[in-house]
Amino acid sequence: MFTGIIETTGIIKDISTNGNNKTFVVESSISNSLKTDQSVAHNGICLTVESVYNNTHTITAVHETLQKTNASNWQLNELINIERCLIANGRVDGHFVQGHVDAVATCINIKDDTGSYVYTFSFDEKFAALIIEKGSVCINGISLTCFNVTNTQFNVAIIPYTYNYTNIKNLAINSTVNIEFDVLGKYINRALQLNAKL
């Protein structure tokens, strides 16, 4: 479980393919403090640390993950957001994030709002019931509040701190991002669907 408050960023230093899987070596400021078998969110994807060496750690994305996230497009020297799992003894500053990416969304507009930025993303309409005005959404692991929500688009406002300390500053028009909808909304939607069939 995560909060969507990015702890640091990492740089992809090596990529290898093994069958349908891809293994990534990531260099970050917290790599040497990680432990094997630890769950860590990378661009919002919960992945298991397989090994740690100096200032790098190794993770593998399986075929299912590569199909449903933007990990399949990660390149050498790409900057990714990193968050270690929640410690249940303090404040939850973002919202509850599982690290289970639902889909990818596409950045379709970026507006400099004089001190902050407004990003517009488009997504598949089949997820429309999972996102609400002023609700929580997780983009590349970042907990954000969405607004101007339609069945296929939403906006998020990015404060200067988030812009400077995450990889959102590297997004451009047509960039794809990992998106995880609020888990509470998913359970409510599922319950409503099942009740409608009774």
N, C-alpha and C. Protein backbone atom coordinates (compact mmCIF):
# COMPACT_ATOMS: atom_id res chain seq x y z
N MET A 1 0.85 -1.18 0.00
CA MET A 1 0.00 0.00 0.00
C MET A 1 0.88 1.24 0.00
N PHE A 2 0.47 2.24 -0.78
CA PHE A 2 1.25 3.47 -0.92
C PHE A 2 0.33 4.67 -0.69
N THR A 3 0.90 5.87 -0.75
CA THR A 3 0.11 7.08 -0.53
C THR A 3 0.09 8.00 -1.74
N GLY A 4 0.95 7.76 -2.71
CA GLY A 4 1.02 8.64 -3.87
C GLY A 4 1.85 9.88 -3.63
N ILE A 5 2.58 9.91 -2.52
CA ILE A 5 3.51 11.01 -2.26
C ILE A 5 4.90 10.53 -2.66
N ILE A 6 5.41 11.04 -3.77
CA ILE A 6 6.66 10.54 -4.33
C ILE A 6 7.83 10.85 -3.41
N GLU A 7 8.63 9.82 -3.17
CA GLU A 7 9.76 9.95 -2.25
C GLU A 7 11.01 10.46 -2.96
N THR A 8 11.23 9.97 -4.15
CA THR A 8 12.40 10.37 -4.93
C THR A 8 12.18 9.93 -6.37
N THR A 9 13.13 10.23 -7.22
CA THR A 9 13.09 9.73 -8.59
C THR A 9 14.30 8.84 -8.82
N GLY A 10 14.20 7.98 -9.82
CA GLY A 10 15.31 7.10 -10.18
C GLY A 10 15.56 7.15 -11.68
N ILE A 11 16.74 6.71 -12.06
CA ILE A 11 17.12 6.69 -13.47
C ILE A 11 17.32 5.24 -13.90
N ILE A 12 16.74 4.88 -15.02
CA ILE A 12 16.90 3.52 -15.53
C ILE A 12 18.28 3.39 -16.17
N LYS A 13 19.10 2.51 -15.60
CA LYS A 13 20.49 2.36 -16.05
C LYS A 13 20.70 1.16 -16.96
N ASP A 14 19.79 0.18 -16.91
CA ASP A 14 19.95 -1.00 -17.76
C ASP A 14 18.58 -1.65 -17.95
N ILE A 15 18.38 -2.22 -19.14
CA ILE A 15 17.14 -2.94 -19.46
C ILE A 15 17.50 -4.24 -20.14
N SER A 16 16.93 -5.34 -19.66
CA SER A 16 17.15 -6.63 -20.32
C SER A 16 15.81 -7.35 -20.46
N THR A 17 15.73 -8.19 -21.47
CA THR A 17 14.50 -8.93 -21.75
C THR A 17 14.72 -10.41 -21.49
N ASN A 18 13.76 -11.01 -20.79
CA ASN A 18 13.81 -12.44 -20.51
C ASN A 18 12.45 -13.02 -20.83
N GLY A 19 12.32 -13.62 -22.01
CA GLY A 19 11.01 -14.10 -22.45
C GLY A 19 10.07 -12.93 -22.64
N ASN A 20 8.91 -12.96 -21.98
CA ASN A 20 7.94 -11.87 -22.08
C ASN A 20 8.14 -10.80 -21.01
N ASN A 21 9.16 -10.93 -20.20
CA ASN A 21 9.39 -10.01 -19.09
C ASN A 21 10.53 -9.04 -19.42
N LYS A 22 10.54 -7.91 -18.71
CA LYS A 22 11.65 -6.97 -18.81
C LYS A 22 12.20 -6.69 -17.41
N THR A 23 13.53 -6.71 -17.31
CA THR A 23 14.18 -6.42 -16.04
C THR A 23 14.88 -5.07 -16.16
N PHE A 24 14.71 -4.25 -15.13
CA PHE A 24 15.26 -2.90 -15.13
C PHE A 24 16.21 -2.72 -13.94
N VAL A 25 17.33 -2.09 -14.19
CA VAL A 25 18.24 -1.67 -13.12
C VAL A 25 18.01 -0.17 -12.93
N VAL A 26 17.67 0.21 -11.70
CA VAL A 26 17.31 1.59 -11.39
C VAL A 26 18.30 2.17 -10.40
N GLU A 27 18.78 3.35 -10.68
CA GLU A 27 19.67 4.07 -9.76
C GLU A 27 18.89 5.18 -9.08
N SER A 28 18.94 5.21 -7.75
CA SER A 28 18.23 6.26 -7.02
C SER A 28 18.93 6.53 -5.69
N SER A 29 18.49 7.60 -5.05
CA SER A 29 19.08 7.99 -3.77
C SER A 29 18.69 7.06 -2.63
N ILE A 30 17.67 6.21 -2.83
CA ILE A 30 17.25 5.29 -1.76
C ILE A 30 17.53 3.83 -2.10
N SER A 31 18.13 3.58 -3.27
CA SER A 31 18.35 2.18 -3.69
C SER A 31 19.14 1.38 -2.66
N ASN A 32 20.19 2.01 -2.10
CA ASN A 32 21.05 1.25 -1.17
C ASN A 32 20.37 0.98 0.17
N SER A 33 19.21 1.58 0.41
CA SER A 33 18.49 1.31 1.66
C SER A 33 17.34 0.32 1.44
N LEU A 34 17.14 -0.09 0.20
CA LEU A 34 16.09 -1.07 -0.09
C LEU A 34 16.54 -2.47 0.25
N LYS A 35 15.58 -3.38 0.36
CA LYS A 35 15.88 -4.78 0.67
C LYS A 35 15.23 -5.68 -0.36
N THR A 36 15.87 -6.81 -0.60
CA THR A 36 15.31 -7.80 -1.52
C THR A 36 13.92 -8.23 -1.05
N ASP A 37 13.00 -8.36 -1.97
CA ASP A 37 11.61 -8.78 -1.74
C ASP A 37 10.74 -7.64 -1.23
N GLN A 38 11.25 -6.42 -1.20
CA GLN A 38 10.48 -5.27 -0.77
C GLN A 38 9.62 -4.75 -1.92
N SER A 39 8.41 -4.33 -1.61
CA SER A 39 7.51 -3.75 -2.62
C SER A 39 7.76 -2.25 -2.72
N VAL A 40 8.02 -1.78 -3.93
CA VAL A 40 8.30 -0.37 -4.16
C VAL A 40 7.53 0.07 -5.40
N ALA A 41 6.90 1.24 -5.35
CA ALA A 41 6.16 1.77 -6.49
C ALA A 41 7.11 2.50 -7.43
N HIS A 42 7.08 2.11 -8.70
CA HIS A 42 7.88 2.74 -9.75
C HIS A 42 6.90 3.29 -10.78
N ASN A 43 6.81 4.63 -10.87
CA ASN A 43 5.78 5.26 -11.72
C ASN A 43 4.40 4.72 -11.38
N GLY A 44 4.19 4.42 -10.10
CA GLY A 44 2.89 3.94 -9.64
C GLY A 44 2.67 2.45 -9.76
N ILE A 45 3.66 1.72 -10.27
CA ILE A 45 3.55 0.27 -10.41
C ILE A 45 4.23 -0.40 -9.23
N CYS A 46 3.51 -1.22 -8.51
CA CYS A 46 4.10 -1.96 -7.39
C CYS A 46 4.95 -3.09 -7.95
N LEU A 47 6.27 -2.99 -7.73
CA LEU A 47 7.21 -3.99 -8.23
C LEU A 47 8.11 -4.45 -7.09
N THR A 48 8.57 -5.69 -7.18
CA THR A 48 9.38 -6.29 -6.12
C THR A 48 10.86 -6.07 -6.39
N VAL A 49 11.57 -5.62 -5.36
CA VAL A 49 13.02 -5.46 -5.46
C VAL A 49 13.66 -6.84 -5.48
N GLU A 50 14.44 -7.11 -6.53
CA GLU A 50 15.06 -8.43 -6.67
C GLU A 50 16.49 -8.45 -6.17
N SER A 51 17.18 -7.34 -6.30
CA SER A 51 18.56 -7.26 -5.81
C SER A 51 18.93 -5.80 -5.61
N VAL A 52 19.92 -5.57 -4.76
CA VAL A 52 20.42 -4.22 -4.48
C VAL A 52 21.93 -4.24 -4.61
N TYR A 53 22.46 -3.27 -5.36
CA TYR A 53 23.91 -3.20 -5.52
C TYR A 53 24.33 -1.74 -5.57
N ASN A 54 25.13 -1.32 -4.58
CA ASN A 54 25.56 0.07 -4.46
C ASN A 54 24.33 0.99 -4.52
N ASN A 55 24.28 1.87 -5.47
CA ASN A 55 23.17 2.83 -5.55
C ASN A 55 22.12 2.41 -6.57
N THR A 56 22.04 1.10 -6.86
CA THR A 56 21.05 0.62 -7.82
C THR A 56 20.25 -0.54 -7.22
N HIS A 57 19.08 -0.75 -7.80
CA HIS A 57 18.28 -1.93 -7.45
C HIS A 57 17.64 -2.46 -8.73
N THR A 58 17.27 -3.73 -8.69
CA THR A 58 16.74 -4.41 -9.87
C THR A 58 15.28 -4.80 -9.65
N ILE A 59 14.47 -4.59 -10.69
CA ILE A 59 13.05 -4.96 -10.66
C ILE A 59 12.70 -5.62 -11.98
N THR A 60 11.65 -6.43 -11.98
CA THR A 60 11.18 -7.06 -13.21
C THR A 60 9.69 -6.80 -13.40
N ALA A 61 9.32 -6.41 -14.61
CA ALA A 61 7.92 -6.25 -14.98
C ALA A 61 7.53 -7.44 -15.84
N VAL A 62 6.52 -8.17 -15.38
CA VAL A 62 6.06 -9.35 -16.12
C VAL A 62 5.17 -8.92 -17.29
N HIS A 63 4.81 -9.88 -18.12
CA HIS A 63 4.05 -9.60 -19.34
C HIS A 63 2.76 -8.83 -19.07
N GLU A 64 2.02 -9.24 -18.03
CA GLU A 64 0.77 -8.56 -17.68
C GLU A 64 1.01 -7.08 -17.36
N THR A 65 2.06 -6.80 -16.62
CA THR A 65 2.39 -5.42 -16.27
C THR A 65 2.79 -4.62 -17.50
N LEU A 66 3.57 -5.23 -18.37
CA LEU A 66 4.01 -4.54 -19.58
C LEU A 66 2.83 -4.23 -20.50
N GLN A 67 1.82 -5.08 -20.50
CA GLN A 67 0.65 -4.85 -21.36
C GLN A 67 -0.22 -3.71 -20.86
N LYS A 68 -0.27 -3.50 -19.54
CA LYS A 68 -1.23 -2.57 -18.97
C LYS A 68 -0.63 -1.26 -18.47
N THR A 69 0.69 -1.11 -18.56
CA THR A 69 1.34 0.10 -18.04
C THR A 69 2.29 0.67 -19.09
N ASN A 70 2.90 1.79 -18.74
CA ASN A 70 3.88 2.38 -19.66
C ASN A 70 5.29 1.83 -19.45
N ALA A 71 5.43 0.82 -18.60
CA ALA A 71 6.75 0.22 -18.38
C ALA A 71 7.31 -0.38 -19.66
N SER A 72 6.44 -0.78 -20.55
CA SER A 72 6.90 -1.37 -21.83
C SER A 72 7.64 -0.34 -22.67
N ASN A 73 7.43 0.95 -22.38
CA ASN A 73 8.07 2.02 -23.15
C ASN A 73 9.26 2.66 -22.44
N TRP A 74 9.59 2.20 -21.23
CA TRP A 74 10.70 2.81 -20.51
C TRP A 74 12.00 2.66 -21.29
N GLN A 75 12.80 3.71 -21.26
CA GLN A 75 14.06 3.73 -22.00
C GLN A 75 15.23 3.96 -21.05
N LEU A 76 16.44 3.66 -21.53
CA LEU A 76 17.64 3.96 -20.75
C LEU A 76 17.68 5.45 -20.41
N ASN A 77 18.09 5.75 -19.18
CA ASN A 77 18.22 7.11 -18.66
C ASN A 77 16.89 7.83 -18.44
N GLU A 78 15.78 7.09 -18.56
CA GLU A 78 14.48 7.70 -18.27
C GLU A 78 14.33 7.89 -16.77
N LEU A 79 13.68 9.00 -16.40
CA LEU A 79 13.44 9.33 -15.00
C LEU A 79 12.09 8.76 -14.58
N ILE A 80 12.05 8.00 -13.49
CA ILE A 80 10.79 7.45 -12.99
C ILE A 80 10.59 7.83 -11.53
N ASN A 81 9.32 7.91 -11.12
CA ASN A 81 8.97 8.25 -9.74
C ASN A 81 9.05 7.01 -8.86
N ILE A 82 9.53 7.20 -7.63
CA ILE A 82 9.70 6.07 -6.70
C ILE A 82 9.09 6.41 -5.34
N GLU A 83 8.36 5.43 -4.80
CA GLU A 83 7.82 5.55 -3.44
C GLU A 83 7.89 4.20 -2.75
N ARG A 84 8.46 4.19 -1.55
CA ARG A 84 8.42 2.97 -0.74
C ARG A 84 7.03 2.82 -0.12
N CYS A 85 6.71 1.62 0.34
CA CYS A 85 5.37 1.35 0.86
C CYS A 85 5.09 2.14 2.13
N LEU A 86 3.81 2.28 2.40
CA LEU A 86 3.32 3.04 3.54
C LEU A 86 3.76 2.41 4.86
N ILE A 87 4.23 3.25 5.78
CA ILE A 87 4.46 2.83 7.16
C ILE A 87 3.24 3.26 7.96
N ALA A 88 2.56 2.33 8.59
CA ALA A 88 1.25 2.62 9.21
C ALA A 88 1.40 3.21 10.61
N ASN A 89 2.21 4.25 10.74
CA ASN A 89 2.35 4.87 12.05
C ASN A 89 2.38 6.40 11.94
N GLY A 90 1.87 6.91 10.82
CA GLY A 90 1.89 8.36 10.64
C GLY A 90 0.74 8.81 9.77
N ARG A 91 0.79 10.07 9.36
CA ARG A 91 -0.25 10.66 8.54
C ARG A 91 -0.18 10.13 7.11
N VAL A 92 -1.35 9.96 6.50
CA VAL A 92 -1.42 9.60 5.08
C VAL A 92 -1.66 10.91 4.32
N ASP A 93 -0.61 11.43 3.69
CA ASP A 93 -0.70 12.74 3.08
C ASP A 93 -1.38 12.74 1.71
N GLY A 94 -1.38 11.61 1.03
CA GLY A 94 -2.03 11.54 -0.27
C GLY A 94 -3.35 10.81 -0.15
N HIS A 95 -3.46 9.64 -0.79
CA HIS A 95 -4.61 8.76 -0.61
C HIS A 95 -4.12 7.33 -0.74
N PHE A 96 -4.96 6.37 -0.39
CA PHE A 96 -4.52 4.98 -0.43
C PHE A 96 -4.34 4.53 -1.88
N VAL A 97 -3.12 4.12 -2.19
CA VAL A 97 -2.75 3.69 -3.54
C VAL A 97 -2.22 2.26 -3.44
N GLN A 98 -2.71 1.38 -4.29
CA GLN A 98 -2.29 -0.02 -4.24
C GLN A 98 -1.05 -0.31 -5.08
N GLY A 99 -0.79 0.53 -6.05
CA GLY A 99 0.29 0.22 -6.99
C GLY A 99 -0.16 -0.76 -8.06
N HIS A 100 -1.48 -0.92 -8.21
CA HIS A 100 -2.07 -1.79 -9.22
C HIS A 100 -2.65 -0.90 -10.32
N VAL A 101 -1.87 -0.66 -11.34
CA VAL A 101 -2.25 0.28 -12.39
C VAL A 101 -3.45 -0.26 -13.17
N ASP A 102 -4.44 0.60 -13.39
CA ASP A 102 -5.65 0.20 -14.12
C ASP A 102 -5.47 0.32 -15.62
N ALA A 103 -4.75 1.34 -16.05
CA ALA A 103 -4.64 1.60 -17.49
C ALA A 103 -3.58 2.67 -17.72
N VAL A 104 -3.39 3.01 -18.97
CA VAL A 104 -2.57 4.17 -19.30
C VAL A 104 -3.50 5.28 -19.78
N ALA A 105 -3.10 6.51 -19.53
CA ALA A 105 -3.82 7.68 -20.03
C ALA A 105 -2.83 8.48 -20.87
N THR A 106 -3.36 9.37 -21.71
CA THR A 106 -2.53 10.15 -22.61
C THR A 106 -2.63 11.63 -22.27
N CYS A 107 -1.49 12.27 -22.17
CA CYS A 107 -1.46 13.72 -21.93
C CYS A 107 -1.86 14.43 -23.22
N ILE A 108 -2.91 15.24 -23.16
CA ILE A 108 -3.37 15.91 -24.38
C ILE A 108 -3.23 17.43 -24.31
N ASN A 109 -2.90 17.96 -23.13
CA ASN A 109 -2.67 19.40 -23.04
C ASN A 109 -1.89 19.73 -21.78
N ILE A 110 -1.02 20.72 -21.88
CA ILE A 110 -0.26 21.22 -20.73
C ILE A 110 -0.35 22.74 -20.76
N LYS A 111 -0.85 23.31 -19.66
CA LYS A 111 -1.03 24.76 -19.59
C LYS A 111 -0.20 25.33 -18.44
N ASP A 112 0.65 26.30 -18.75
CA ASP A 112 1.38 27.04 -17.72
C ASP A 112 0.40 28.03 -17.10
N ASP A 113 0.09 27.80 -15.81
CA ASP A 113 -0.94 28.59 -15.14
C ASP A 113 -0.34 29.64 -14.21
N THR A 114 0.78 30.21 -14.60
CA THR A 114 1.46 31.27 -13.85
C THR A 114 1.76 30.85 -12.42
N GLY A 115 2.71 29.97 -12.28
CA GLY A 115 3.13 29.49 -10.96
C GLY A 115 2.79 28.03 -10.73
N SER A 116 1.87 27.50 -11.49
CA SER A 116 1.55 26.08 -11.44
C SER A 116 1.25 25.63 -12.86
N TYR A 117 0.91 24.35 -13.02
CA TYR A 117 0.63 23.80 -14.34
C TYR A 117 -0.67 23.01 -14.29
N VAL A 118 -1.41 23.06 -15.38
CA VAL A 118 -2.62 22.25 -15.50
C VAL A 118 -2.41 21.26 -16.65
N TYR A 119 -2.53 19.98 -16.32
CA TYR A 119 -2.38 18.92 -17.31
C TYR A 119 -3.74 18.31 -17.60
N THR A 120 -4.00 18.04 -18.87
CA THR A 120 -5.23 17.35 -19.27
C THR A 120 -4.88 15.98 -19.80
N PHE A 121 -5.59 14.97 -19.31
CA PHE A 121 -5.35 13.59 -19.73
C PHE A 121 -6.64 13.00 -20.31
N SER A 122 -6.47 12.15 -21.31
CA SER A 122 -7.60 11.39 -21.85
C SER A 122 -7.43 9.92 -21.47
N PHE A 123 -8.56 9.23 -21.30
CA PHE A 123 -8.53 7.83 -20.89
C PHE A 123 -9.69 7.11 -21.54
N ASP A 124 -9.66 5.79 -21.47
CA ASP A 124 -10.71 4.96 -22.06
C ASP A 124 -12.03 5.15 -21.32
N GLU A 125 -13.10 5.35 -22.08
CA GLU A 125 -14.41 5.64 -21.50
C GLU A 125 -14.92 4.52 -20.60
N LYS A 126 -14.41 3.31 -20.76
CA LYS A 126 -14.90 2.21 -19.91
C LYS A 126 -14.57 2.42 -18.43
N PHE A 127 -13.66 3.37 -18.15
CA PHE A 127 -13.30 3.67 -16.75
C PHE A 127 -14.05 4.88 -16.20
N ALA A 128 -15.00 5.43 -16.96
CA ALA A 128 -15.66 6.68 -16.58
C ALA A 128 -16.30 6.63 -15.19
N ALA A 129 -16.83 5.48 -14.81
CA ALA A 129 -17.52 5.37 -13.52
C ALA A 129 -16.56 5.39 -12.33
N LEU A 130 -15.26 5.31 -12.59
CA LEU A 130 -14.28 5.22 -11.50
C LEU A 130 -13.63 6.54 -11.15
N ILE A 131 -14.03 7.63 -11.81
CA ILE A 131 -13.40 8.92 -11.55
C ILE A 131 -14.47 9.97 -11.37
N ILE A 132 -14.31 10.82 -10.34
CA ILE A 132 -15.32 11.83 -10.04
C ILE A 132 -14.66 13.20 -9.87
N GLU A 133 -15.45 14.24 -10.01
CA GLU A 133 -14.97 15.60 -9.81
C GLU A 133 -14.43 15.77 -8.40
N LYS A 134 -13.23 16.32 -8.30
CA LYS A 134 -12.51 16.54 -7.04
C LYS A 134 -12.17 15.24 -6.31
N GLY A 135 -12.17 14.14 -7.05
CA GLY A 135 -11.76 12.87 -6.47
C GLY A 135 -10.26 12.67 -6.61
N SER A 136 -9.77 11.58 -6.06
CA SER A 136 -8.35 11.25 -6.12
C SER A 136 -8.05 10.37 -7.32
N VAL A 137 -6.88 10.61 -7.91
CA VAL A 137 -6.39 9.78 -9.00
C VAL A 137 -4.88 9.71 -8.85
N CYS A 138 -4.29 8.60 -9.26
CA CYS A 138 -2.85 8.41 -9.15
C CYS A 138 -2.26 8.36 -10.56
N ILE A 139 -1.35 9.29 -10.85
CA ILE A 139 -0.71 9.38 -12.16
C ILE A 139 0.79 9.17 -12.00
N ASN A 140 1.31 8.11 -12.64
CA ASN A 140 2.73 7.76 -12.48
C ASN A 140 3.14 7.72 -11.02
N GLY A 141 2.19 7.28 -10.18
CA GLY A 141 2.47 7.14 -8.76
C GLY A 141 2.21 8.38 -7.93
N ILE A 142 1.79 9.48 -8.56
CA ILE A 142 1.57 10.74 -7.85
C ILE A 142 0.10 10.87 -7.48
N SER A 143 -0.19 11.09 -6.20
CA SER A 143 -1.56 11.33 -5.75
C SER A 143 -1.98 12.74 -6.15
N LEU A 144 -3.06 12.83 -6.94
CA LEU A 144 -3.53 14.12 -7.43
C LEU A 144 -5.04 14.21 -7.33
N THR A 145 -5.55 15.43 -7.35
CA THR A 145 -6.99 15.68 -7.36
C THR A 145 -7.41 16.06 -8.77
N CYS A 146 -8.44 15.41 -9.28
CA CYS A 146 -8.88 15.67 -10.65
C CYS A 146 -10.06 16.64 -10.67
N PHE A 147 -10.16 17.39 -11.76
CA PHE A 147 -11.28 18.32 -11.94
C PHE A 147 -11.58 18.44 -13.44
N ASN A 148 -12.69 19.11 -13.74
CA ASN A 148 -13.19 19.16 -15.13
C ASN A 148 -13.28 17.75 -15.72
N VAL A 149 -13.88 16.86 -14.94
CA VAL A 149 -13.96 15.44 -15.31
C VAL A 149 -15.09 15.22 -16.32
N THR A 150 -14.77 14.52 -17.40
CA THR A 150 -15.80 14.05 -18.34
C THR A 150 -15.68 12.53 -18.42
N ASN A 151 -16.37 11.93 -19.34
CA ASN A 151 -16.30 10.47 -19.47
C ASN A 151 -14.99 9.99 -20.07
N THR A 152 -14.21 10.91 -20.63
CA THR A 152 -12.96 10.50 -21.29
C THR A 152 -11.77 11.40 -20.97
N GLN A 153 -11.97 12.45 -20.16
CA GLN A 153 -10.88 13.38 -19.87
C GLN A 153 -10.97 13.90 -18.44
N PHE A 154 -9.85 14.40 -17.94
CA PHE A 154 -9.83 15.10 -16.67
C PHE A 154 -8.59 15.98 -16.61
N ASN A 155 -8.63 16.96 -15.72
CA ASN A 155 -7.49 17.84 -15.49
C ASN A 155 -6.91 17.59 -14.11
N VAL A 156 -5.63 17.88 -13.95
CA VAL A 156 -5.00 17.94 -12.63
C VAL A 156 -4.12 19.18 -12.59
N ALA A 157 -4.04 19.80 -11.42
CA ALA A 157 -3.17 20.95 -11.22
C ALA A 157 -1.89 20.50 -10.52
N ILE A 158 -0.77 20.96 -11.02
CA ILE A 158 0.53 20.54 -10.49
C ILE A 158 1.21 21.74 -9.84
N ILE A 159 1.46 21.64 -8.53
CA ILE A 159 2.15 22.73 -7.83
C ILE A 159 3.64 22.68 -8.17
N PRO A 160 4.36 23.79 -7.95
CA PRO A 160 5.79 23.82 -8.31
C PRO A 160 6.62 22.70 -7.68
N TYR A 161 6.34 22.36 -6.41
CA TYR A 161 7.13 21.30 -5.76
C TYR A 161 6.99 19.98 -6.50
N THR A 162 5.75 19.60 -6.80
CA THR A 162 5.51 18.34 -7.52
C THR A 162 6.15 18.38 -8.90
N TYR A 163 6.04 19.52 -9.56
CA TYR A 163 6.62 19.68 -10.89
C TYR A 163 8.14 19.48 -10.85
N ASN A 164 8.78 20.04 -9.84
CA ASN A 164 10.24 20.01 -9.77
C ASN A 164 10.81 18.69 -9.26
N TYR A 165 10.04 17.96 -8.43
CA TYR A 165 10.60 16.79 -7.76
C TYR A 165 10.02 15.46 -8.24
N THR A 166 9.26 15.48 -9.33
CA THR A 166 8.78 14.23 -9.94
C THR A 166 9.07 14.27 -11.43
N ASN A 167 8.71 13.20 -12.12
CA ASN A 167 8.98 13.17 -13.56
C ASN A 167 7.85 13.78 -14.38
N ILE A 168 6.88 14.41 -13.73
CA ILE A 168 5.77 15.00 -14.49
C ILE A 168 6.28 16.15 -15.37
N LYS A 169 7.39 16.76 -14.96
CA LYS A 169 7.97 17.85 -15.76
C LYS A 169 8.48 17.36 -17.11
N ASN A 170 8.69 16.05 -17.25
CA ASN A 170 9.20 15.50 -18.50
C ASN A 170 8.10 15.10 -19.48
N LEU A 171 6.84 15.21 -19.04
CA LEU A 171 5.75 14.84 -19.93
C LEU A 171 5.60 15.85 -21.06
N ALA A 172 5.16 15.36 -22.20
CA ALA A 172 4.85 16.19 -23.35
C ALA A 172 3.51 15.76 -23.90
N ILE A 173 2.98 16.50 -24.86
CA ILE A 173 1.74 16.09 -25.51
C ILE A 173 1.94 14.71 -26.12
N ASN A 174 0.98 13.83 -25.89
CA ASN A 174 0.97 12.43 -26.34
C ASN A 174 1.79 11.49 -25.47
N SER A 175 2.41 12.00 -24.39
CA SER A 175 3.06 11.10 -23.43
C SER A 175 2.00 10.22 -22.77
N THR A 176 2.36 8.97 -22.53
CA THR A 176 1.45 8.09 -21.79
C THR A 176 1.89 7.99 -20.34
N VAL A 177 0.91 7.87 -19.46
CA VAL A 177 1.18 7.77 -18.03
C VAL A 177 0.40 6.59 -17.46
N ASN A 178 0.90 6.05 -16.36
CA ASN A 178 0.18 5.02 -15.64
C ASN A 178 -0.90 5.68 -14.78
N ILE A 179 -2.07 5.09 -14.77
CA ILE A 179 -3.17 5.67 -14.01
C ILE A 179 -3.82 4.60 -13.14
N GLU A 180 -4.01 4.95 -11.87
CA GLU A 180 -4.73 4.09 -10.93
C GLU A 180 -5.87 4.88 -10.34
N PHE A 181 -7.07 4.38 -10.53
CA PHE A 181 -8.25 5.05 -9.98
C PHE A 181 -8.39 4.69 -8.50
N ASP A 182 -9.13 5.51 -7.78
CA ASP A 182 -9.31 5.35 -6.34
C ASP A 182 -9.91 3.99 -6.03
N VAL A 183 -9.27 3.23 -5.16
CA VAL A 183 -9.71 1.87 -4.84
C VAL A 183 -11.11 1.87 -4.21
N LEU A 184 -11.45 2.90 -3.45
CA LEU A 184 -12.78 2.95 -2.84
C LEU A 184 -13.86 3.04 -3.92
N GLY A 185 -13.58 3.84 -4.93
CA GLY A 185 -14.52 3.95 -6.04
C GLY A 185 -14.69 2.63 -6.78
N LYS A 186 -13.62 1.86 -6.88
CA LYS A 186 -13.68 0.58 -7.58
C LYS A 186 -14.59 -0.41 -6.83
N TYR A 187 -14.46 -0.43 -5.50
CA TYR A 187 -15.29 -1.34 -4.72
C TYR A 187 -16.76 -0.93 -4.76
N ILE A 188 -17.01 0.37 -4.68
CA ILE A 188 -18.40 0.86 -4.75
C ILE A 188 -19.01 0.53 -6.11
N ASN A 189 -18.25 0.76 -7.17
CA ASN A 189 -18.74 0.48 -8.52
C ASN A 189 -19.04 -1.01 -8.68
N ARG A 190 -18.17 -1.85 -8.15
CA ARG A 190 -18.37 -3.30 -8.25
C ARG A 190 -19.62 -3.73 -7.49
N ALA A 191 -19.81 -3.17 -6.30
CA ALA A 191 -20.99 -3.52 -5.49
C ALA A 191 -22.27 -3.11 -6.21
N LEU A 192 -22.26 -1.93 -6.83
CA LEU A 192 -23.44 -1.47 -7.57
C LEU A 192 -23.74 -2.36 -8.76
N GLN A 193 -22.69 -2.78 -9.45
CA GLN A 193 -22.87 -3.67 -10.60
C GLN A 193 -23.49 -4.99 -10.17
N LEU A 194 -22.99 -5.55 -9.07
CA LEU A 194 -23.52 -6.83 -8.60
C LEU A 194 -24.96 -6.70 -8.11
N ASN A 195 -25.27 -5.60 -7.42
CA ASN A 195 -26.63 -5.39 -6.93
C ASN A 195 -27.61 -5.23 -8.07
N ALA A 196 -27.14 -4.62 -9.15
CA ALA A 196 -28.02 -4.41 -10.31
C ALA A 196 -28.41 -5.71 -10.97
N LYS A 197 -27.60 -6.77 -10.75
CA LYS A 197 -27.89 -8.07 -11.35
C LYS A 197 -28.80 -8.93 -10.50
N LEU A 198 -29.05 -8.51 -9.26
CA LEU A 198 -29.89 -9.30 -8.34
C LEU A 198 -31.37 -9.16 -8.66
